[in-house]
């Protein structure tokens, strides 16, 4: 299975960056294909689901966290989505 990775250098702690990337309201700030993001559950944790609505022609989809190791790693698997360029 292909792995999507991106790297960037930021001035912040690993915990602060992880929190920013995993706050649903911040998702449209750093992911330009997302118009709306909503988390099912109280916190990002294994088993919680993330609902994303695509901006313009981008697909909308639902993912489920299968692994969360704060502040270094999270694994999100596709649960639902039509026309997805990934699985």
PDB file of N, CA and C in Angstrom:
ATOM      1  N   UNK A   1       0.848  -1.176   0.000  1.00  0.00           N
ATOM      2  CA  UNK A   1       0.000   0.000   0.000  1.00  0.00           C
ATOM      3  C   UNK A   1       0.889   1.233   0.000  1.00  0.00           C
ATOM      4  N   UNK A   2       0.625   2.186  -0.889  1.00  0.00           N
ATOM      5  CA  UNK A   2       1.423   3.412  -0.919  1.00  0.00           C
ATOM      6  C   UNK A   2       1.226   4.228   0.358  1.00  0.00           C
ATOM      7  N   UNK A   3       2.257   4.931   0.734  1.00  0.00           N
ATOM      8  CA  UNK A   3       2.218   5.786   1.916  1.00  0.00           C
ATOM      9  C   UNK A   3       2.382   7.223   1.462  1.00  0.00           C
ATOM     10  N   UNK A   4       1.521   8.088   1.969  1.00  0.00           N
ATOM     11  CA  UNK A   4       1.598   9.512   1.651  1.00  0.00           C
ATOM     12  C   UNK A   4       2.413  10.196   2.735  1.00  0.00           C
ATOM     13  N   UNK A   5       3.484  10.847   2.336  1.00  0.00           N
ATOM     14  CA  UNK A   5       4.319  11.565   3.296  1.00  0.00           C
ATOM     15  C   UNK A   5       4.633  12.950   2.765  1.00  0.00           C
ATOM     16  N   UNK A   6       4.655  13.900   3.669  1.00  0.00           N
ATOM     17  CA  UNK A   6       5.062  15.271   3.353  1.00  0.00           C
ATOM     18  C   UNK A   6       5.937  15.753   4.494  1.00  0.00           C
ATOM     19  N   UNK A   7       6.882  16.618   4.192  1.00  0.00           N
ATOM     20  CA  UNK A   7       7.747  17.166   5.224  1.00  0.00           C
ATOM     21  C   UNK A   7       7.761  18.678   5.136  1.00  0.00           C
ATOM     22  N   UNK A   8       7.865  19.303   6.301  1.00  0.00           N
ATOM     23  CA  UNK A   8       7.980  20.753   6.384  1.00  0.00           C
ATOM     24  C   UNK A   8       8.717  21.088   7.671  1.00  0.00           C
ATOM     25  N   UNK A   9       9.399  22.202   7.673  1.00  0.00           N
ATOM     26  CA  UNK A   9      10.083  22.667   8.872  1.00  0.00           C
ATOM     27  C   UNK A   9       9.252  23.800   9.463  1.00  0.00           C
ATOM     28  N   UNK A  10       8.898  23.665  10.732  1.00  0.00           N
ATOM     29  CA  UNK A  10       8.106  24.694  11.414  1.00  0.00           C
ATOM     30  C   UNK A  10       8.742  25.017  12.752  1.00  0.00           C
ATOM     31  N   UNK A  11       8.430  26.183  13.253  1.00  0.00           N
ATOM     32  CA  UNK A  11       8.946  26.603  14.539  1.00  0.00           C
ATOM     33  C   UNK A  11       7.888  26.305  15.598  1.00  0.00           C
ATOM     34  N   UNK A  12       7.940  25.109  16.153  1.00  0.00           N
ATOM     35  CA  UNK A  12       6.964  24.711  17.165  1.00  0.00           C
ATOM     36  C   UNK A  12       7.310  23.333  17.693  1.00  0.00           C
ATOM     37  N   UNK A  13       6.755  22.984  18.816  1.00  0.00           N
ATOM     38  CA  UNK A  13       7.002  21.666  19.385  1.00  0.00           C
ATOM     39  C   UNK A  13       6.232  20.618  18.591  1.00  0.00           C
ATOM     40  N   UNK A  14       6.670  19.383  18.690  1.00  0.00           N
ATOM     41  CA  UNK A  14       5.985  18.288  18.017  1.00  0.00           C
ATOM     42  C   UNK A  14       4.533  18.197  18.481  1.00  0.00           C
ATOM     43  N   UNK A  15       4.296  18.394  19.758  1.00  0.00           N
ATOM     44  CA  UNK A  15       2.940  18.331  20.291  1.00  0.00           C
ATOM     45  C   UNK A  15       2.059  19.443  19.727  1.00  0.00           C
ATOM     46  N   UNK A  16       2.587  20.647  19.606  1.00  0.00           N
ATOM     47  CA  UNK A  16       1.807  21.773  19.071  1.00  0.00           C
ATOM     48  C   UNK A  16       1.470  21.552  17.600  1.00  0.00           C
ATOM     49  N   UNK A  17       2.418  21.040  16.838  1.00  0.00           N
ATOM     50  CA  UNK A  17       2.183  20.775  15.416  1.00  0.00           C
ATOM     51  C   UNK A  17       1.161  19.647  15.257  1.00  0.00           C
ATOM     52  N   UNK A  18       1.314  18.587  16.027  1.00  0.00           N
ATOM     53  CA  UNK A  18       0.375  17.473  15.983  1.00  0.00           C
ATOM     54  C   UNK A  18      -1.039  17.956  16.296  1.00  0.00           C
ATOM     55  N   UNK A  19      -1.178  18.760  17.343  1.00  0.00           N
ATOM     56  CA  UNK A  19      -2.492  19.280  17.719  1.00  0.00           C
ATOM     57  C   UNK A  19      -3.093  20.139  16.606  1.00  0.00           C
ATOM     58  N   UNK A  20      -2.288  20.986  15.981  1.00  0.00           N
ATOM     59  CA  UNK A  20      -2.768  21.829  14.880  1.00  0.00           C
ATOM     60  C   UNK A  20      -3.260  20.964  13.728  1.00  0.00           C
ATOM     61  N   UNK A  21      -2.484  19.955  13.347  1.00  0.00           N
ATOM     62  CA  UNK A  21      -2.846  19.104  12.215  1.00  0.00           C
ATOM     63  C   UNK A  21      -4.048  18.212  12.507  1.00  0.00           C
ATOM     64  N   UNK A  22      -4.349  17.990  13.775  1.00  0.00           N
ATOM     65  CA  UNK A  22      -5.449  17.104  14.137  1.00  0.00           C
ATOM     66  C   UNK A  22      -6.659  17.829  14.721  1.00  0.00           C
ATOM     67  N   UNK A  23      -6.683  19.151  14.625  1.00  0.00           N
ATOM     68  CA  UNK A  23      -7.844  19.931  15.042  1.00  0.00           C
ATOM     69  C   UNK A  23      -8.734  20.117  13.820  1.00  0.00           C
ATOM     70  N   UNK A  24      -9.960  19.559  13.841  1.00  0.00           N
ATOM     71  CA  UNK A  24     -10.807  19.606  12.649  1.00  0.00           C
ATOM     72  C   UNK A  24     -11.001  21.005  12.064  1.00  0.00           C
ATOM     73  N   UNK A  25     -11.158  22.019  12.900  1.00  0.00           N
ATOM     74  CA  UNK A  25     -11.362  23.387  12.394  1.00  0.00           C
ATOM     75  C   UNK A  25     -10.135  23.919  11.657  1.00  0.00           C
ATOM     76  N   UNK A  26      -8.962  23.360  11.909  1.00  0.00           N
ATOM     77  CA  UNK A  26      -7.735  23.814  11.247  1.00  0.00           C
ATOM     78  C   UNK A  26      -7.482  23.104   9.920  1.00  0.00           C
ATOM     79  N   UNK A  27      -8.153  21.971   9.679  1.00  0.00           N
ATOM     80  CA  UNK A  27      -7.891  21.185   8.472  1.00  0.00           C
ATOM     81  C   UNK A  27      -7.999  22.016   7.192  1.00  0.00           C
ATOM     82  N   UNK A  28      -9.051  22.843   7.010  1.00  0.00           N
ATOM     83  CA  UNK A  28      -9.125  23.639   5.784  1.00  0.00           C
ATOM     84  C   UNK A  28      -7.989  24.662   5.645  1.00  0.00           C
ATOM     85  N   UNK A  29      -7.316  24.991   6.733  1.00  0.00           N
ATOM     86  CA  UNK A  29      -6.198  25.937   6.683  1.00  0.00           C
ATOM     87  C   UNK A  29      -5.005  25.323   5.962  1.00  0.00           C
ATOM     88  N   UNK A  30      -4.722  24.052   6.234  1.00  0.00           N
ATOM     89  CA  UNK A  30      -3.533  23.415   5.644  1.00  0.00           C
ATOM     90  C   UNK A  30      -3.853  22.412   4.543  1.00  0.00           C
ATOM     91  N   UNK A  31      -5.109  22.027   4.375  1.00  0.00           N
ATOM     92  CA  UNK A  31      -5.515  21.099   3.315  1.00  0.00           C
ATOM     93  C   UNK A  31      -6.485  21.842   2.403  1.00  0.00           C
ATOM     94  N   UNK A  32      -5.978  22.356   1.299  1.00  0.00           N
ATOM     95  CA  UNK A  32      -6.779  23.213   0.428  1.00  0.00           C
ATOM     96  C   UNK A  32      -7.906  22.476  -0.290  1.00  0.00           C
ATOM     97  N   UNK A  33      -7.913  21.145  -0.261  1.00  0.00           N
ATOM     98  CA  UNK A  33      -8.997  20.404  -0.907  1.00  0.00           C
ATOM     99  C   UNK A  33     -10.195  20.209   0.020  1.00  0.00           C
ATOM    100  N   UNK A  34     -10.053  20.591   1.298  1.00  0.00           N
ATOM    101  CA  UNK A  34     -11.114  20.375   2.289  1.00  0.00           C
ATOM    102  C   UNK A  34     -11.860  21.672   2.577  1.00  0.00           C
ATOM    103  N   UNK A  35     -13.189  21.575   2.512  1.00  0.00           N
ATOM    104  CA  UNK A  35     -14.055  22.706   2.810  1.00  0.00           C
ATOM    105  C   UNK A  35     -14.557  22.651   4.251  1.00  0.00           C
ATOM    106  N   UNK A  36     -14.814  21.441   4.751  1.00  0.00           N
ATOM    107  CA  UNK A  36     -15.356  21.248   6.087  1.00  0.00           C
ATOM    108  C   UNK A  36     -14.822  19.944   6.655  1.00  0.00           C
ATOM    109  N   UNK A  37     -14.509  19.953   7.942  1.00  0.00           N
ATOM    110  CA  UNK A  37     -13.974  18.773   8.608  1.00  0.00           C
ATOM    111  C   UNK A  37     -14.658  18.632   9.962  1.00  0.00           C
ATOM    112  N   UNK A  38     -15.110  17.413  10.262  1.00  0.00           N
ATOM    113  CA  UNK A  38     -15.799  17.163  11.533  1.00  0.00           C
ATOM    114  C   UNK A  38     -15.312  15.841  12.114  1.00  0.00           C
ATOM    115  N   UNK A  39     -15.032  15.841  13.401  1.00  0.00           N
ATOM    116  CA  UNK A  39     -14.570  14.647  14.104  1.00  0.00           C
ATOM    117  C   UNK A  39     -15.714  14.047  14.902  1.00  0.00           C
ATOM    118  N   UNK A  40     -15.934  12.747  14.740  1.00  0.00           N
ATOM    119  CA  UNK A  40     -16.887  12.024  15.592  1.00  0.00           C
ATOM    120  C   UNK A  40     -16.135  11.619  16.844  1.00  0.00           C
ATOM    121  N   UNK A  41     -16.671  11.924  17.981  1.00  0.00           N
ATOM    122  CA  UNK A  41     -16.006  11.575  19.231  1.00  0.00           C
ATOM    123  C   UNK A  41     -15.424  12.799  19.902  1.00  0.00           C
ATOM    124  N   UNK A  42     -14.878  12.560  21.075  1.00  0.00           N
ATOM    125  CA  UNK A  42     -14.359  13.655  21.888  1.00  0.00           C
ATOM    126  C   UNK A  42     -12.938  14.060  21.527  1.00  0.00           C
ATOM    127  N   UNK A  43     -12.167  13.121  20.995  1.00  0.00           N
ATOM    128  CA  UNK A  43     -10.761  13.403  20.713  1.00  0.00           C
ATOM    129  C   UNK A  43     -10.267  12.492  19.597  1.00  0.00           C
ATOM    130  N   UNK A  44      -9.142  12.873  19.001  1.00  0.00           N
ATOM    131  CA  UNK A  44      -8.503  12.017  18.008  1.00  0.00           C
ATOM    132  C   UNK A  44      -7.934  10.805  18.745  1.00  0.00           C
ATOM    133  N   UNK A  45      -8.472   9.644  18.425  1.00  0.00           N
ATOM    134  CA  UNK A  45      -8.044   8.400  19.062  1.00  0.00           C
ATOM    135  C   UNK A  45      -8.385   7.255  18.123  1.00  0.00           C
ATOM    136  N   UNK A  46      -7.757   6.122  18.323  1.00  0.00           N
ATOM    137  CA  UNK A  46      -8.086   4.951  17.517  1.00  0.00           C
ATOM    138  C   UNK A  46      -9.583   4.693  17.610  1.00  0.00           C
ATOM    139  N   UNK A  47     -10.217   4.538  16.454  1.00  0.00           N
ATOM    140  CA  UNK A  47     -11.650   4.303  16.399  1.00  0.00           C
ATOM    141  C   UNK A  47     -12.479   5.541  16.113  1.00  0.00           C
ATOM    142  N   UNK A  48     -11.920   6.736  16.326  1.00  0.00           N
ATOM    143  CA  UNK A  48     -12.703   7.945  16.031  1.00  0.00           C
ATOM    144  C   UNK A  48     -12.713   8.176  14.518  1.00  0.00           C
ATOM    145  N   UNK A  49     -13.813   8.758  14.054  1.00  0.00           N
ATOM    146  CA  UNK A  49     -13.986   8.981  12.615  1.00  0.00           C
ATOM    147  C   UNK A  49     -13.899  10.459  12.266  1.00  0.00           C
ATOM    148  N   UNK A  50     -13.366  10.705  11.080  1.00  0.00           N
ATOM    149  CA  UNK A  50     -13.178  12.049  10.566  1.00  0.00           C
ATOM    150  C   UNK A  50     -13.984  12.181   9.281  1.00  0.00           C
ATOM    151  N   UNK A  51     -14.882  13.161   9.223  1.00  0.00           N
ATOM    152  CA  UNK A  51     -15.705  13.418   8.039  1.00  0.00           C
ATOM    153  C   UNK A  51     -15.137  14.647   7.344  1.00  0.00           C
ATOM    154  N   UNK A  52     -14.827  14.503   6.061  1.00  0.00           N
ATOM    155  CA  UNK A  52     -14.286  15.621   5.291  1.00  0.00           C
ATOM    156  C   UNK A  52     -15.152  15.886   4.073  1.00  0.00           C
ATOM    157  N   UNK A  53     -15.482  17.159   3.870  1.00  0.00           N
ATOM    158  CA  UNK A  53     -16.228  17.566   2.684  1.00  0.00           C
ATOM    159  C   UNK A  53     -15.249  18.242   1.740  1.00  0.00           C
ATOM    160  N   UNK A  54     -15.193  17.737   0.521  1.00  0.00           N
ATOM    161  CA  UNK A  54     -14.256  18.268  -0.465  1.00  0.00           C
ATOM    162  C   UNK A  54     -14.683  19.621  -1.008  1.00  0.00           C
ATOM    163  N   UNK A  55     -13.693  20.441  -1.281  1.00  0.00           N
ATOM    164  CA  UNK A  55     -13.927  21.766  -1.865  1.00  0.00           C
ATOM    165  C   UNK A  55     -14.015  21.621  -3.392  1.00  0.00           C
ATOM    166  N   UNK A  56     -14.991  22.249  -3.980  1.00  0.00           N
ATOM    167  CA  UNK A  56     -15.237  22.214  -5.421  1.00  0.00           C
ATOM    168  C   UNK A  56     -15.354  20.777  -5.914  1.00  0.00           C
ATOM    169  N   UNK A  57     -14.415  20.317  -6.717  1.00  0.00           N
ATOM    170  CA  UNK A  57     -14.514  18.972  -7.295  1.00  0.00           C
ATOM    171  C   UNK A  57     -13.802  17.903  -6.469  1.00  0.00           C
ATOM    172  N   UNK A  58     -13.214  18.276  -5.362  1.00  0.00           N
ATOM    173  CA  UNK A  58     -12.536  17.293  -4.513  1.00  0.00           C
ATOM    174  C   UNK A  58     -13.576  16.387  -3.861  1.00  0.00           C
ATOM    175  N   UNK A  59     -13.270  15.101  -3.714  1.00  0.00           N
ATOM    176  CA  UNK A  59     -14.252  14.185  -3.120  1.00  0.00           C
ATOM    177  C   UNK A  59     -14.427  14.404  -1.620  1.00  0.00           C
ATOM    178  N   UNK A  60     -15.604  14.047  -1.135  1.00  0.00           N
ATOM    179  CA  UNK A  60     -15.869  14.026   0.296  1.00  0.00           C
ATOM    180  C   UNK A  60     -15.652  12.597   0.768  1.00  0.00           C
ATOM    181  N   UNK A  61     -15.186  12.443   2.003  1.00  0.00           N
ATOM    182  CA  UNK A  61     -14.896  11.094   2.475  1.00  0.00           C
ATOM    183  C   UNK A  61     -14.913  11.007   3.994  1.00  0.00           C
ATOM    184  N   UNK A  62     -14.935   9.777   4.482  1.00  0.00           N
ATOM    185  CA  UNK A  62     -14.906   9.497   5.909  1.00  0.00           C
ATOM    186  C   UNK A  62     -13.717   8.593   6.164  1.00  0.00           C
ATOM    187  N   UNK A  63     -12.932   8.950   7.161  1.00  0.00           N
ATOM    188  CA  UNK A  63     -11.797   8.134   7.553  1.00  0.00           C
ATOM    189  C   UNK A  63     -11.927   7.730   9.010  1.00  0.00           C
ATOM    190  N   UNK A  64     -11.249   6.666   9.374  1.00  0.00           N
ATOM    191  CA  UNK A  64     -11.241   6.210  10.761  1.00  0.00           C
ATOM    192  C   UNK A  64      -9.789   6.065  11.208  1.00  0.00           C
ATOM    193  N   UNK A  65      -9.482   6.657  12.355  1.00  0.00           N
ATOM    194  CA  UNK A  65      -8.134   6.532  12.892  1.00  0.00           C
ATOM    195  C   UNK A  65      -7.937   5.107  13.392  1.00  0.00           C
ATOM    196  N   UNK A  66      -6.892   4.465  12.903  1.00  0.00           N
ATOM    197  CA  UNK A  66      -6.586   3.108  13.362  1.00  0.00           C
ATOM    198  C   UNK A  66      -5.407   3.111  14.322  1.00  0.00           C
ATOM    199  N   UNK A  67      -4.645   4.200  14.296  1.00  0.00           N
ATOM    200  CA  UNK A  67      -3.511   4.327  15.209  1.00  0.00           C
ATOM    201  C   UNK A  67      -3.253   5.804  15.472  1.00  0.00           C
ATOM    202  N   UNK A  68      -3.062   6.144  16.734  1.00  0.00           N
ATOM    203  CA  UNK A  68      -2.703   7.515  17.111  1.00  0.00           C
ATOM    204  C   UNK A  68      -1.621   7.425  18.172  1.00  0.00           C
ATOM    205  N   UNK A  69      -0.438   7.944  17.828  1.00  0.00           N
ATOM    206  CA  UNK A  69       0.681   7.988  18.765  1.00  0.00           C
ATOM    207  C   UNK A  69       1.095   9.448  18.856  1.00  0.00           C
ATOM    208  N   UNK A  70       0.444  10.179  19.743  1.00  0.00           N
ATOM    209  CA  UNK A  70       0.712  11.604  19.893  1.00  0.00           C
ATOM    210  C   UNK A  70       2.084  11.786  20.524  1.00  0.00           C
ATOM    211  N   UNK A  71       2.932  12.608  20.010  1.00  0.00           N
ATOM    212  CA  UNK A  71       2.775  13.607  18.960  1.00  0.00           C
ATOM    213  C   UNK A  71       3.486  13.243  17.665  1.00  0.00           C
ATOM    214  N   UNK A  72       3.671  11.963  17.379  1.00  0.00           N
ATOM    215  CA  UNK A  72       4.513  11.624  16.232  1.00  0.00           C
ATOM    216  C   UNK A  72       3.820  10.949  15.064  1.00  0.00           C
ATOM    217  N   UNK A  73       2.659  10.341  15.273  1.00  0.00           N
ATOM    218  CA  UNK A  73       2.108   9.524  14.196  1.00  0.00           C
ATOM    219  C   UNK A  73       0.604   9.336  14.348  1.00  0.00           C
ATOM    220  N   UNK A  74      -0.075   9.330  13.194  1.00  0.00           N
ATOM    221  CA  UNK A  74      -1.474   8.920  13.158  1.00  0.00           C
ATOM    222  C   UNK A  74      -1.699   8.189  11.838  1.00  0.00           C
ATOM    223  N   UNK A  75      -2.559   7.197  11.886  1.00  0.00           N
ATOM    224  CA  UNK A  75      -2.894   6.416  10.700  1.00  0.00           C
ATOM    225  C   UNK A  75      -4.399   6.493  10.523  1.00  0.00           C
ATOM    226  N   UNK A  76      -4.815   6.924   9.351  1.00  0.00           N
ATOM    227  CA  UNK A  76      -6.219   7.121   9.032  1.00  0.00           C
ATOM    228  C   UNK A  76      -6.550   6.221   7.852  1.00  0.00           C
ATOM    229  N   UNK A  77      -7.585   5.392   7.989  1.00  0.00           N
ATOM    230  CA  UNK A  77      -7.969   4.530   6.866  1.00  0.00           C
ATOM    231  C   UNK A  77      -9.277   5.019   6.285  1.00  0.00           C
ATOM    232  N   UNK A  78      -9.420   4.863   4.983  1.00  0.00           N
ATOM    233  CA  UNK A  78     -10.629   5.261   4.272  1.00  0.00           C
ATOM    234  C   UNK A  78     -11.762   4.305   4.633  1.00  0.00           C
ATOM    235  N   UNK A  79     -12.889   4.860   5.062  1.00  0.00           N
ATOM    236  CA  UNK A  79     -14.062   4.065   5.399  1.00  0.00           C
ATOM    237  C   UNK A  79     -15.123   4.215   4.305  1.00  0.00           C
ATOM    238  N   UNK A  80     -15.269   5.433   3.817  1.00  0.00           N
ATOM    239  CA  UNK A  80     -16.326   5.723   2.855  1.00  0.00           C
ATOM    240  C   UNK A  80     -15.908   6.890   1.985  1.00  0.00           C
ATOM    241  N   UNK A  81     -16.216   6.786   0.693  1.00  0.00           N
ATOM    242  CA  UNK A  81     -15.910   7.869  -0.229  1.00  0.00           C
ATOM    243  C   UNK A  81     -16.053   7.396  -1.656  1.00  0.00           C
ATOM    244  N   UNK A  82     -16.634   8.205  -2.491  1.00  0.00           N
ATOM    245  CA  UNK A  82     -16.853   7.858  -3.891  1.00  0.00           C
ATOM    246  C   UNK A  82     -15.851   8.601  -4.761  1.00  0.00           C
ATOM    247  N   UNK A  83     -15.260   7.915  -5.712  1.00  0.00           N
ATOM    248  CA  UNK A  83     -14.321   8.547  -6.629  1.00  0.00           C
ATOM    249  C   UNK A  83     -12.998   8.903  -5.988  1.00  0.00           C
ATOM    250  N   UNK A  84     -12.608   8.152  -4.980  1.00  0.00           N
ATOM    251  CA  UNK A  84     -11.379   8.472  -4.258  1.00  0.00           C
ATOM    252  C   UNK A  84     -10.149   8.099  -5.081  1.00  0.00           C
ATOM    253  N   UNK A  85      -9.132   8.957  -5.081  1.00  0.00           N
ATOM    254  CA  UNK A  85      -7.881   8.636  -5.764  1.00  0.00           C
ATOM    255  C   UNK A  85      -6.976   7.735  -4.907  1.00  0.00           C
ATOM    256  N   UNK A  86      -7.440   7.359  -3.724  1.00  0.00           N
ATOM    257  CA  UNK A  86      -6.671   6.484  -2.835  1.00  0.00           C
ATOM    258  C   UNK A  86      -7.638   5.536  -2.133  1.00  0.00           C
ATOM    259  N   UNK A  87      -7.062   4.505  -1.499  1.00  0.00           N
ATOM    260  CA  UNK A  87      -7.890   3.516  -0.784  1.00  0.00           C
ATOM    261  C   UNK A  87      -7.435   3.412   0.663  1.00  0.00           C
TER     262      UNK A  87
END
